[in-house]
Amino acid sequence: MFEQKILQSVAMQLMNGEEVLLDDQKLRIKRVGSGRLRQVQFELNGRKFEAIEQNRMKPSRWGKLAR
């Protein structure tokens, strides 16, 4: 449950800012790919994660989930 709240916080910060605050770290949000989607890499409980903005305009499954 705690991890889920952290992941939700990262997702909200990814969409609304220029950096993600996680514990005492400031993580820079990068723009990647031709669509210039937002992306941030972070570590949680010893595991590495990569959060990537999904393009809502795409007809793919991920695009539908992002809507």
PDB file of N, CA and C in Angstrom:
ATOM      1  N   MET A   1       0.822  -1.195   0.000  1.00  0.00           N
ATOM      2  CA  MET A   1       0.000   0.000   0.000  1.00  0.00           C
ATOM      3  C   MET A   1       0.865   1.258   0.000  1.00  0.00           C
ATOM      4  N   PHE A   2       1.905   1.263   0.800  1.00  0.00           N
ATOM      5  CA  PHE A   2       2.805   2.409   0.882  1.00  0.00           C
ATOM      6  C   PHE A   2       3.474   2.664  -0.458  1.00  0.00           C
ATOM      7  N   GLU A   3       3.937   1.592  -1.119  1.00  0.00           N
ATOM      8  CA  GLU A   3       4.584   1.737  -2.428  1.00  0.00           C
ATOM      9  C   GLU A   3       3.612   2.312  -3.448  1.00  0.00           C
ATOM     10  N   GLN A   4       2.366   1.906  -3.385  1.00  0.00           N
ATOM     11  CA  GLN A   4       1.367   2.404  -4.329  1.00  0.00           C
ATOM     12  C   GLN A   4       1.201   3.916  -4.182  1.00  0.00           C
ATOM     13  N   LYS A   5       1.184   4.407  -2.963  1.00  0.00           N
ATOM     14  CA  LYS A   5       1.059   5.851  -2.724  1.00  0.00           C
ATOM     15  C   LYS A   5       2.266   6.598  -3.285  1.00  0.00           C
ATOM     16  N   ILE A   6       3.455   6.024  -3.117  1.00  0.00           N
ATOM     17  CA  ILE A   6       4.663   6.650  -3.653  1.00  0.00           C
ATOM     18  C   ILE A   6       4.598   6.696  -5.177  1.00  0.00           C
ATOM     19  N   LEU A   7       4.191   5.597  -5.805  1.00  0.00           N
ATOM     20  CA  LEU A   7       4.097   5.553  -7.264  1.00  0.00           C
ATOM     21  C   LEU A   7       3.052   6.546  -7.776  1.00  0.00           C
ATOM     22  N   GLN A   8       1.944   6.694  -7.065  1.00  0.00           N
ATOM     23  CA  GLN A   8       0.935   7.681  -7.447  1.00  0.00           C
ATOM     24  C   GLN A   8       1.499   9.093  -7.352  1.00  0.00           C
ATOM     25  N   SER A   9       2.271   9.351  -6.309  1.00  0.00           N
ATOM     26  CA  SER A   9       2.889  10.655  -6.132  1.00  0.00           C
ATOM     27  C   SER A   9       3.872  10.954  -7.262  1.00  0.00           C
ATOM     28  N   VAL A  10       4.671   9.968  -7.627  1.00  0.00           N
ATOM     29  CA  VAL A  10       5.627  10.139  -8.727  1.00  0.00           C
ATOM     30  C   VAL A  10       4.872  10.452 -10.018  1.00  0.00           C
ATOM     31  N   ALA A  11       3.788   9.729 -10.284  1.00  0.00           N
ATOM     32  CA  ALA A  11       3.005   9.946 -11.503  1.00  0.00           C
ATOM     33  C   ALA A  11       2.433  11.361 -11.551  1.00  0.00           C
ATOM     34  N   MET A  12       1.892  11.839 -10.447  1.00  0.00           N
ATOM     35  CA  MET A  12       1.330  13.194 -10.398  1.00  0.00           C
ATOM     36  C   MET A  12       2.405  14.249 -10.619  1.00  0.00           C
ATOM     37  N   GLN A  13       3.548  14.064  -9.962  1.00  0.00           N
ATOM     38  CA  GLN A  13       4.639  15.016 -10.112  1.00  0.00           C
ATOM     39  C   GLN A  13       5.203  14.995 -11.528  1.00  0.00           C
ATOM     40  N   LEU A  14       5.243  13.817 -12.131  1.00  0.00           N
ATOM     41  CA  LEU A  14       5.748  13.674 -13.495  1.00  0.00           C
ATOM     42  C   LEU A  14       4.914  14.514 -14.460  1.00  0.00           C
ATOM     43  N   MET A  15       3.609  14.526 -14.266  1.00  0.00           N
ATOM     44  CA  MET A  15       2.719  15.229 -15.186  1.00  0.00           C
ATOM     45  C   MET A  15       2.619  16.724 -14.904  1.00  0.00           C
ATOM     46  N   ASN A  16       2.999  17.156 -13.703  1.00  0.00           N
ATOM     47  CA  ASN A  16       2.737  18.541 -13.314  1.00  0.00           C
ATOM     48  C   ASN A  16       3.958  19.385 -13.006  1.00  0.00           C
ATOM     49  N   GLY A  17       5.158  18.866 -13.177  1.00  0.00           N
ATOM     50  CA  GLY A  17       6.312  19.661 -12.789  1.00  0.00           C
ATOM     51  C   GLY A  17       7.537  19.403 -13.633  1.00  0.00           C
ATOM     52  N   GLU A  18       8.638  19.984 -13.198  1.00  0.00           N
ATOM     53  CA  GLU A  18       9.921  19.830 -13.875  1.00  0.00           C
ATOM     54  C   GLU A  18      10.838  18.858 -13.143  1.00  0.00           C
ATOM     55  N   GLU A  19      10.451  18.512 -11.909  1.00  0.00           N
ATOM     56  CA  GLU A  19      11.236  17.557 -11.137  1.00  0.00           C
ATOM     57  C   GLU A  19      10.303  16.762 -10.230  1.00  0.00           C
ATOM     58  N   VAL A  20      10.815  15.614  -9.785  1.00  0.00           N
ATOM     59  CA  VAL A  20      10.070  14.748  -8.874  1.00  0.00           C
ATOM     60  C   VAL A  20      10.805  14.741  -7.540  1.00  0.00           C
ATOM     61  N   LEU A  21      10.090  15.019  -6.462  1.00  0.00           N
ATOM     62  CA  LEU A  21      10.662  14.958  -5.125  1.00  0.00           C
ATOM     63  C   LEU A  21      10.310  13.604  -4.528  1.00  0.00           C
ATOM     64  N   LEU A  22      11.339  12.827  -4.189  1.00  0.00           N
ATOM     65  CA  LEU A  22      11.137  11.492  -3.635  1.00  0.00           C
ATOM     66  C   LEU A  22      12.063  11.355  -2.437  1.00  0.00           C
ATOM     67  N   ASP A  23      11.483  11.249  -1.251  1.00  0.00           N
ATOM     68  CA  ASP A  23      12.244  11.276   0.004  1.00  0.00           C
ATOM     69  C   ASP A  23      13.050  12.566   0.037  1.00  0.00           C
ATOM     70  N   ASP A  24      14.364  12.478   0.086  1.00  0.00           N
ATOM     71  CA  ASP A  24      15.196  13.683   0.117  1.00  0.00           C
ATOM     72  C   ASP A  24      15.875  13.935  -1.224  1.00  0.00           C
ATOM     73  N   GLN A  25      15.398  13.305  -2.284  1.00  0.00           N
ATOM     74  CA  GLN A  25      15.998  13.446  -3.613  1.00  0.00           C
ATOM     75  C   GLN A  25      15.132  14.324  -4.514  1.00  0.00           C
ATOM     76  N   LYS A  26      15.808  15.117  -5.361  1.00  0.00           N
ATOM     77  CA  LYS A  26      15.144  15.848  -6.434  1.00  0.00           C
ATOM     78  C   LYS A  26      15.568  15.183  -7.725  1.00  0.00           C
ATOM     79  N   LEU A  27      14.623  14.592  -8.436  1.00  0.00           N
ATOM     80  CA  LEU A  27      14.918  13.873  -9.667  1.00  0.00           C
ATOM     81  C   LEU A  27      14.430  14.691 -10.859  1.00  0.00           C
ATOM     82  N   ARG A  28      15.321  14.913 -11.810  1.00  0.00           N
ATOM     83  CA  ARG A  28      15.002  15.721 -12.982  1.00  0.00           C
ATOM     84  C   ARG A  28      14.144  14.927 -13.964  1.00  0.00           C
ATOM     85  N   ILE A  29      13.120  15.568 -14.472  1.00  0.00           N
ATOM     86  CA  ILE A  29      12.269  14.965 -15.496  1.00  0.00           C
ATOM     87  C   ILE A  29      12.885  15.261 -16.851  1.00  0.00           C
ATOM     88  N   LYS A  30      13.075  14.208 -17.650  1.00  0.00           N
ATOM     89  CA  LYS A  30      13.635  14.366 -18.994  1.00  0.00           C
ATOM     90  C   LYS A  30      12.519  14.226 -20.019  1.00  0.00           C
ATOM     91  N   ARG A  31      12.752  14.767 -21.199  1.00  0.00           N
ATOM     92  CA  ARG A  31      11.851  14.587 -22.341  1.00  0.00           C
ATOM     93  C   ARG A  31      12.509  13.608 -23.294  1.00  0.00           C
ATOM     94  N   VAL A  32      11.776  12.589 -23.717  1.00  0.00           N
ATOM     95  CA  VAL A  32      12.355  11.539 -24.560  1.00  0.00           C
ATOM     96  C   VAL A  32      11.479  11.276 -25.784  1.00  0.00           C
ATOM     97  N   GLY A  33      12.104  10.739 -26.811  1.00  0.00           N
ATOM     98  CA  GLY A  33      11.400  10.310 -28.014  1.00  0.00           C
ATOM     99  C   GLY A  33      10.921  11.455 -28.880  1.00  0.00           C
ATOM    100  N   SER A  34      10.361  11.097 -30.010  1.00  0.00           N
ATOM    101  CA  SER A  34       9.894  12.108 -30.960  1.00  0.00           C
ATOM    102  C   SER A  34       8.681  12.864 -30.426  1.00  0.00           C
ATOM    103  N   GLY A  35       7.926  12.237 -29.538  1.00  0.00           N
ATOM    104  CA  GLY A  35       6.764  12.891 -28.939  1.00  0.00           C
ATOM    105  C   GLY A  35       7.110  13.752 -27.749  1.00  0.00           C
ATOM    106  N   ARG A  36       8.395  13.755 -27.373  1.00  0.00           N
ATOM    107  CA  ARG A  36       8.882  14.543 -26.226  1.00  0.00           C
ATOM    108  C   ARG A  36       8.106  14.220 -24.952  1.00  0.00           C
ATOM    109  N   LEU A  37       7.906  12.923 -24.719  1.00  0.00           N
ATOM    110  CA  LEU A  37       7.189  12.481 -23.522  1.00  0.00           C
ATOM    111  C   LEU A  37       8.072  12.610 -22.288  1.00  0.00           C
ATOM    112  N   ARG A  38       7.461  12.860 -21.153  1.00  0.00           N
ATOM    113  CA  ARG A  38       8.197  13.019 -19.893  1.00  0.00           C
ATOM    114  C   ARG A  38       8.625  11.662 -19.354  1.00  0.00           C
ATOM    115  N   GLN A  39       9.822  11.643 -18.741  1.00  0.00           N
ATOM    116  CA  GLN A  39      10.355  10.392 -18.198  1.00  0.00           C
ATOM    117  C   GLN A  39      11.228  10.709 -16.988  1.00  0.00           C
ATOM    118  N   VAL A  40      11.136   9.859 -15.966  1.00  0.00           N
ATOM    119  CA  VAL A  40      11.995   9.988 -14.790  1.00  0.00           C
ATOM    120  C   VAL A  40      12.383   8.590 -14.320  1.00  0.00           C
ATOM    121  N   GLN A  41      13.619   8.450 -13.891  1.00  0.00           N
ATOM    122  CA  GLN A  41      14.110   7.187 -13.345  1.00  0.00           C
ATOM    123  C   GLN A  41      14.328   7.372 -11.852  1.00  0.00           C
ATOM    124  N   PHE A  42      13.954   6.340 -11.072  1.00  0.00           N
ATOM    125  CA  PHE A  42      14.125   6.422  -9.624  1.00  0.00           C
ATOM    126  C   PHE A  42      14.268   5.026  -9.051  1.00  0.00           C
ATOM    127  N   GLU A  43      14.679   4.984  -7.792  1.00  0.00           N
ATOM    128  CA  GLU A  43      14.854   3.715  -7.097  1.00  0.00           C
ATOM    129  C   GLU A  43      13.932   3.694  -5.886  1.00  0.00           C
ATOM    130  N   LEU A  44      13.295   2.536  -5.670  1.00  0.00           N
ATOM    131  CA  LEU A  44      12.372   2.370  -4.554  1.00  0.00           C
ATOM    132  C   LEU A  44      12.578   0.990  -3.964  1.00  0.00           C
ATOM    133  N   ASN A  45      12.953   0.938  -2.705  1.00  0.00           N
ATOM    134  CA  ASN A  45      13.212  -0.334  -2.013  1.00  0.00           C
ATOM    135  C   ASN A  45      14.221  -1.208  -2.758  1.00  0.00           C
ATOM    136  N   GLY A  46      15.264  -0.577  -3.279  1.00  0.00           N
ATOM    137  CA  GLY A  46      16.330  -1.311  -3.954  1.00  0.00           C
ATOM    138  C   GLY A  46      16.018  -1.727  -5.380  1.00  0.00           C
ATOM    139  N   ARG A  47      14.838  -1.367  -5.885  1.00  0.00           N
ATOM    140  CA  ARG A  47      14.453  -1.702  -7.261  1.00  0.00           C
ATOM    141  C   ARG A  47      14.419  -0.435  -8.102  1.00  0.00           C
ATOM    142  N   LYS A  48      14.892  -0.542  -9.343  1.00  0.00           N
ATOM    143  CA  LYS A  48      14.913   0.614 -10.240  1.00  0.00           C
ATOM    144  C   LYS A  48      13.613   0.679 -11.033  1.00  0.00           C
ATOM    145  N   PHE A  49      13.083   1.892 -11.147  1.00  0.00           N
ATOM    146  CA  PHE A  49      11.852   2.140 -11.890  1.00  0.00           C
ATOM    147  C   PHE A  49      12.087   3.244 -12.906  1.00  0.00           C
ATOM    148  N   GLU A  50      11.274   3.223 -13.944  1.00  0.00           N
ATOM    149  CA  GLU A  50      11.291   4.266 -14.957  1.00  0.00           C
ATOM    150  C   GLU A  50       9.835   4.622 -15.250  1.00  0.00           C
ATOM    151  N   ALA A  51       9.458   5.846 -14.929  1.00  0.00           N
ATOM    152  CA  ALA A  51       8.093   6.309 -15.177  1.00  0.00           C
ATOM    153  C   ALA A  51       8.100   7.109 -16.472  1.00  0.00           C
ATOM    154  N   ILE A  52       7.188   6.757 -17.389  1.00  0.00           N
ATOM    155  CA  ILE A  52       7.130   7.406 -18.694  1.00  0.00           C
ATOM    156  C   ILE A  52       5.697   7.860 -18.960  1.00  0.00           C
ATOM    157  N   GLU A  53       5.562   9.109 -19.359  1.00  0.00           N
ATOM    158  CA  GLU A  53       4.259   9.643 -19.750  1.00  0.00           C
ATOM    159  C   GLU A  53       3.734   8.862 -20.954  1.00  0.00           C
ATOM    160  N   GLN A  54       2.451   8.606 -20.971  1.00  0.00           N
ATOM    161  CA  GLN A  54       1.837   7.906 -22.097  1.00  0.00           C
ATOM    162  C   GLN A  54       1.116   8.906 -22.996  1.00  0.00           C
ATOM    163  N   ASN A  55       1.214   8.706 -24.303  1.00  0.00           N
ATOM    164  CA  ASN A  55       0.574   9.582 -25.275  1.00  0.00           C
ATOM    165  C   ASN A  55      -0.905   9.225 -25.387  1.00  0.00           C
ATOM    166  N   ARG A  56      -1.770  10.103 -24.923  1.00  0.00           N
ATOM    167  CA  ARG A  56      -3.218   9.856 -24.910  1.00  0.00           C
ATOM    168  C   ARG A  56      -3.817   9.794 -26.310  1.00  0.00           C
ATOM    169  N   MET A  57      -3.134  10.361 -27.280  1.00  0.00           N
ATOM    170  CA  MET A  57      -3.672  10.442 -28.634  1.00  0.00           C
ATOM    171  C   MET A  57      -3.470   9.151 -29.425  1.00  0.00           C
ATOM    172  N   LYS A  58      -2.636   8.264 -28.943  1.00  0.00           N
ATOM    173  CA  LYS A  58      -2.370   7.009 -29.649  1.00  0.00           C
ATOM    174  C   LYS A  58      -3.529   6.036 -29.445  1.00  0.00           C
ATOM    175  N   PRO A  59      -3.868   5.256 -30.469  1.00  0.00           N
ATOM    176  CA  PRO A  59      -4.958   4.290 -30.334  1.00  0.00           C
ATOM    177  C   PRO A  59      -4.538   2.992 -29.632  1.00  0.00           C
ATOM    178  N   SER A  60      -3.304   2.930 -29.175  1.00  0.00           N
ATOM    179  CA  SER A  60      -2.802   1.717 -28.527  1.00  0.00           C
ATOM    180  C   SER A  60      -3.469   1.491 -27.168  1.00  0.00           C
ATOM    181  N   ARG A  61      -3.226   0.338 -26.604  1.00  0.00           N
ATOM    182  CA  ARG A  61      -3.743   0.004 -25.273  1.00  0.00           C
ATOM    183  C   ARG A  61      -3.259   1.019 -24.238  1.00  0.00           C
ATOM    184  N   TRP A  62      -1.980   1.390 -24.305  1.00  0.00           N
ATOM    185  CA  TRP A  62      -1.426   2.345 -23.347  1.00  0.00           C
ATOM    186  C   TRP A  62      -2.058   3.717 -23.514  1.00  0.00           C
ATOM    187  N   GLY A  63      -2.317   4.102 -24.749  1.00  0.00           N
ATOM    188  CA  GLY A  63      -2.990   5.374 -24.995  1.00  0.00           C
ATOM    189  C   GLY A  63      -4.386   5.392 -24.396  1.00  0.00           C
ATOM    190  N   LYS A  64      -5.094   4.280 -24.532  1.00  0.00           N
ATOM    191  CA  LYS A  64      -6.437   4.177 -23.956  1.00  0.00           C
ATOM    192  C   LYS A  64      -6.386   4.241 -22.438  1.00  0.00           C
ATOM    193  N   LEU A  65      -5.386   3.604 -21.838  1.00  0.00           N
ATOM    194  CA  LEU A  65      -5.248   3.643 -20.378  1.00  0.00           C
ATOM    195  C   LEU A  65      -4.914   5.045 -19.888  1.00  0.00           C
ATOM    196  N   ALA A  66      -4.209   5.823 -20.698  1.00  0.00           N
ATOM    197  CA  ALA A  66      -3.810   7.175 -20.303  1.00  0.00           C
ATOM    198  C   ALA A  66      -4.983   8.153 -20.348  1.00  0.00           C
ATOM    199  N   ARG A  67      -6.027   7.793 -21.077  1.00  0.00           N
ATOM    200  CA  ARG A  67      -7.190   8.705 -21.202  1.00  0.00           C
ATOM    201  C   ARG A  67      -7.999   8.721 -19.978  1.00  0.00           C
TER     202      ARG A  67
END
